[in-house]
C-alpha cells in the first residue's frame, strides 16, 4: 500500500469521524477539526484499519495532519 493510498484511507476515516472532508496537509488539531475526543476515535480507527497503535502520549504529534499520520502508519507497517 503506497503512502498516497494510506493518506486517502486516513482522510476517509477522519472525514467519517468529524463529518468534514480533509486534505493531506489540513492541520487537524491546530485548526480544531479534531478535538481530544475525536482524536481518540481516530487513533482507534487507525489501529483497527491498519493494525498500528498510536501511543496516547504521541497522538498530538502524529495527528498534526493526514500526511503526518500516514507517514507514521507507513513507517510502523514497515516494521
N, C-alpha and C. Protein backbone atom coordinates (compact mmCIF):
# COMPACT_ATOMS: atom_id res chain seq x y z
N UNK A 1 0.85 -1.18 0.00
CA UNK A 1 0.00 0.00 0.00
C UNK A 1 0.89 1.23 0.00
N UNK A 2 0.68 2.12 -0.96
CA UNK A 2 1.53 3.31 -1.08
C UNK A 2 1.13 4.37 -0.05
N UNK A 3 2.00 5.36 0.12
CA UNK A 3 1.71 6.46 1.04
C UNK A 3 0.45 7.21 0.60
N UNK A 4 0.28 7.37 -0.71
CA UNK A 4 -0.94 8.03 -1.22
C UNK A 4 -2.19 7.24 -0.86
N UNK A 5 -2.11 5.92 -0.98
CA UNK A 5 -3.26 5.07 -0.62
C UNK A 5 -3.57 5.20 0.87
N UNK A 6 -2.52 5.22 1.69
CA UNK A 6 -2.71 5.35 3.14
C UNK A 6 -3.32 6.71 3.46
N UNK A 7 -2.81 7.77 2.82
CA UNK A 7 -3.37 9.12 3.04
C UNK A 7 -4.84 9.16 2.67
N UNK A 8 -5.19 8.58 1.54
CA UNK A 8 -6.58 8.58 1.09
C UNK A 8 -7.48 7.88 2.10
N UNK A 9 -7.05 6.71 2.56
CA UNK A 9 -7.86 5.95 3.53
C UNK A 9 -7.97 6.71 4.85
N UNK A 10 -6.86 7.30 5.32
CA UNK A 10 -6.89 8.05 6.57
C UNK A 10 -7.81 9.27 6.44
N UNK A 11 -7.75 9.95 5.31
CA UNK A 11 -8.63 11.11 5.09
C UNK A 11 -10.10 10.68 5.13
N UNK A 12 -10.40 9.49 4.58
CA UNK A 12 -11.77 8.98 4.62
C UNK A 12 -12.18 8.66 6.05
N UNK A 13 -11.28 8.04 6.80
CA UNK A 13 -11.57 7.69 8.20
C UNK A 13 -11.84 8.96 9.01
N UNK A 14 -10.95 9.94 8.89
CA UNK A 14 -11.10 11.18 9.65
C UNK A 14 -12.36 11.91 9.21
N UNK A 15 -12.60 11.96 7.91
CA UNK A 15 -13.81 12.61 7.41
C UNK A 15 -15.08 12.00 7.96
N UNK A 16 -15.08 10.68 8.09
CA UNK A 16 -16.26 9.99 8.64
C UNK A 16 -16.45 10.30 10.12
N UNK A 17 -15.36 10.53 10.82
CA UNK A 17 -15.44 10.82 12.26
C UNK A 17 -15.84 12.27 12.51
N UNK A 18 -15.24 13.21 11.76
CA UNK A 18 -15.52 14.63 12.04
C UNK A 18 -16.58 15.22 11.10
N UNK A 19 -17.04 14.39 10.15
CA UNK A 19 -18.10 14.79 9.20
C UNK A 19 -17.70 16.00 8.35
N UNK A 20 -16.42 16.07 8.02
CA UNK A 20 -15.87 17.12 7.16
C UNK A 20 -14.74 16.51 6.35
N UNK A 21 -14.68 16.82 5.07
CA UNK A 21 -13.57 16.27 4.27
C UNK A 21 -12.29 17.04 4.61
N UNK A 22 -11.18 16.32 4.58
CA UNK A 22 -9.88 16.92 4.89
C UNK A 22 -8.88 16.56 3.80
N UNK A 23 -7.92 17.45 3.62
CA UNK A 23 -6.83 17.24 2.67
C UNK A 23 -5.61 16.72 3.43
N UNK A 24 -4.62 16.15 2.73
CA UNK A 24 -3.44 15.64 3.41
C UNK A 24 -2.69 16.67 4.27
N UNK A 25 -2.73 17.95 3.87
CA UNK A 25 -1.99 18.96 4.62
C UNK A 25 -2.86 19.78 5.58
N UNK A 26 -4.12 19.42 5.73
CA UNK A 26 -5.00 20.11 6.67
C UNK A 26 -4.49 19.91 8.10
N UNK A 27 -4.33 20.99 8.83
CA UNK A 27 -3.89 20.89 10.23
C UNK A 27 -5.10 20.46 11.06
N UNK A 28 -5.04 19.26 11.58
CA UNK A 28 -6.20 18.67 12.23
C UNK A 28 -6.44 19.21 13.63
N UNK A 29 -5.44 19.15 14.47
CA UNK A 29 -5.61 19.59 15.86
C UNK A 29 -5.56 21.10 15.97
N UNK A 30 -4.59 21.69 15.30
CA UNK A 30 -4.40 23.15 15.39
C UNK A 30 -5.63 23.91 14.88
N UNK A 31 -6.28 23.36 13.85
CA UNK A 31 -7.45 24.03 13.28
C UNK A 31 -8.71 23.79 14.12
N UNK A 32 -8.64 22.81 15.03
CA UNK A 32 -9.81 22.48 15.83
C UNK A 32 -10.74 21.48 15.19
N UNK A 33 -10.39 21.00 13.99
CA UNK A 33 -11.24 20.00 13.34
C UNK A 33 -11.29 18.70 14.14
N UNK A 34 -10.16 18.35 14.76
CA UNK A 34 -10.08 17.15 15.59
C UNK A 34 -9.82 17.60 17.02
N UNK A 35 -10.73 17.27 17.93
CA UNK A 35 -10.53 17.59 19.35
C UNK A 35 -10.05 16.34 20.07
N UNK A 36 -9.91 16.42 21.37
CA UNK A 36 -9.34 15.29 22.11
C UNK A 36 -10.20 14.03 22.02
N UNK A 37 -11.51 14.19 21.99
CA UNK A 37 -12.38 13.01 21.89
C UNK A 37 -12.32 12.38 20.51
N UNK A 38 -12.38 13.21 19.47
CA UNK A 38 -12.32 12.64 18.13
C UNK A 38 -10.91 12.12 17.82
N UNK A 39 -9.88 12.66 18.47
CA UNK A 39 -8.52 12.15 18.29
C UNK A 39 -8.42 10.71 18.76
N UNK A 40 -9.08 10.39 19.86
CA UNK A 40 -9.11 9.02 20.36
C UNK A 40 -9.86 8.12 19.37
N UNK A 41 -10.97 8.61 18.84
CA UNK A 41 -11.72 7.85 17.83
C UNK A 41 -10.86 7.58 16.60
N UNK A 42 -10.10 8.59 16.16
CA UNK A 42 -9.22 8.42 15.01
C UNK A 42 -8.15 7.38 15.32
N UNK A 43 -7.53 7.48 16.50
CA UNK A 43 -6.48 6.54 16.88
C UNK A 43 -7.01 5.10 16.89
N UNK A 44 -8.20 4.91 17.42
CA UNK A 44 -8.81 3.57 17.46
C UNK A 44 -9.14 3.07 16.05
N UNK A 45 -9.63 3.95 15.20
CA UNK A 45 -9.96 3.57 13.83
C UNK A 45 -8.71 3.23 13.03
N UNK A 46 -7.62 3.95 13.28
CA UNK A 46 -6.35 3.67 12.60
C UNK A 46 -5.83 2.30 13.04
N UNK A 47 -5.94 2.02 14.32
CA UNK A 47 -5.49 0.73 14.83
C UNK A 47 -6.31 -0.40 14.20
N UNK A 48 -7.62 -0.20 14.10
CA UNK A 48 -8.49 -1.23 13.53
C UNK A 48 -8.21 -1.42 12.03
N UNK A 49 -8.03 -0.34 11.30
CA UNK A 49 -7.85 -0.41 9.85
C UNK A 49 -6.45 -0.91 9.46
N UNK A 50 -5.42 -0.39 10.14
CA UNK A 50 -4.05 -0.66 9.72
C UNK A 50 -3.26 -1.54 10.68
N UNK A 51 -3.82 -1.81 11.87
CA UNK A 51 -3.09 -2.60 12.84
C UNK A 51 -1.94 -1.85 13.48
N UNK A 52 -2.01 -0.51 13.45
CA UNK A 52 -0.96 0.35 14.00
C UNK A 52 -1.51 1.07 15.21
N UNK A 53 -0.87 0.86 16.34
CA UNK A 53 -1.31 1.52 17.58
C UNK A 53 -0.55 2.84 17.74
N UNK A 54 -1.29 3.89 18.09
CA UNK A 54 -0.67 5.19 18.37
C UNK A 54 -0.64 5.36 19.88
N UNK A 55 0.55 5.43 20.47
CA UNK A 55 0.62 5.62 21.92
C UNK A 55 -0.11 6.90 22.33
N UNK A 56 -0.89 6.86 23.42
CA UNK A 56 -1.65 8.05 23.84
C UNK A 56 -0.78 9.30 23.98
N UNK A 57 0.44 9.15 24.42
CA UNK A 57 1.32 10.31 24.61
C UNK A 57 1.81 10.89 23.29
N UNK A 58 1.57 10.17 22.18
CA UNK A 58 2.05 10.63 20.87
C UNK A 58 0.92 11.02 19.91
N UNK A 59 -0.32 10.97 20.38
CA UNK A 59 -1.45 11.26 19.50
C UNK A 59 -1.34 12.67 18.91
N UNK A 60 -1.04 13.65 19.73
CA UNK A 60 -0.97 15.03 19.22
C UNK A 60 0.16 15.20 18.21
N UNK A 61 1.22 14.44 18.34
CA UNK A 61 2.33 14.51 17.41
C UNK A 61 1.95 13.94 16.04
N UNK A 62 1.33 12.78 16.03
CA UNK A 62 1.03 12.10 14.78
C UNK A 62 -0.27 12.57 14.13
N UNK A 63 -1.14 13.23 14.87
CA UNK A 63 -2.37 13.74 14.29
C UNK A 63 -2.27 15.20 13.88
N UNK A 64 -1.07 15.65 13.61
CA UNK A 64 -0.91 17.03 13.14
C UNK A 64 -1.66 17.23 11.83
N UNK A 65 -1.52 16.26 10.91
CA UNK A 65 -2.22 16.30 9.63
C UNK A 65 -2.41 14.87 9.12
N UNK A 66 -3.19 14.74 8.07
CA UNK A 66 -3.36 13.42 7.45
C UNK A 66 -2.00 12.91 6.98
N UNK A 67 -1.21 13.80 6.40
CA UNK A 67 0.10 13.41 5.88
C UNK A 67 1.02 12.88 6.98
N UNK A 68 1.10 13.59 8.11
CA UNK A 68 1.99 13.12 9.19
C UNK A 68 1.49 11.79 9.75
N UNK A 69 0.19 11.62 9.83
CA UNK A 69 -0.36 10.36 10.33
C UNK A 69 -0.08 9.23 9.33
N UNK A 70 -0.22 9.51 8.05
CA UNK A 70 0.06 8.50 7.02
C UNK A 70 1.53 8.08 7.05
N UNK A 71 2.42 9.05 7.25
CA UNK A 71 3.85 8.72 7.35
C UNK A 71 4.11 7.81 8.54
N UNK A 72 3.50 8.11 9.67
CA UNK A 72 3.66 7.28 10.87
C UNK A 72 3.15 5.86 10.61
N UNK A 73 1.98 5.75 10.02
CA UNK A 73 1.39 4.44 9.74
C UNK A 73 2.31 3.65 8.79
N UNK A 74 2.79 4.31 7.73
CA UNK A 74 3.66 3.63 6.77
C UNK A 74 4.94 3.14 7.44
N UNK A 75 5.54 3.97 8.30
CA UNK A 75 6.76 3.58 9.00
C UNK A 75 6.50 2.39 9.93
N UNK A 76 5.39 2.41 10.65
CA UNK A 76 5.08 1.35 11.58
C UNK A 76 4.77 0.03 10.87
N UNK A 77 4.18 0.13 9.70
CA UNK A 77 3.83 -1.09 8.95
C UNK A 77 5.06 -1.73 8.33
N UNK A 78 6.10 -0.93 8.08
CA UNK A 78 7.34 -1.47 7.52
C UNK A 78 8.02 -2.37 8.53
N UNK A 79 7.90 -1.96 9.80
CA UNK A 79 8.44 -2.82 10.68
C UNK A 79 9.18 -2.76 11.82
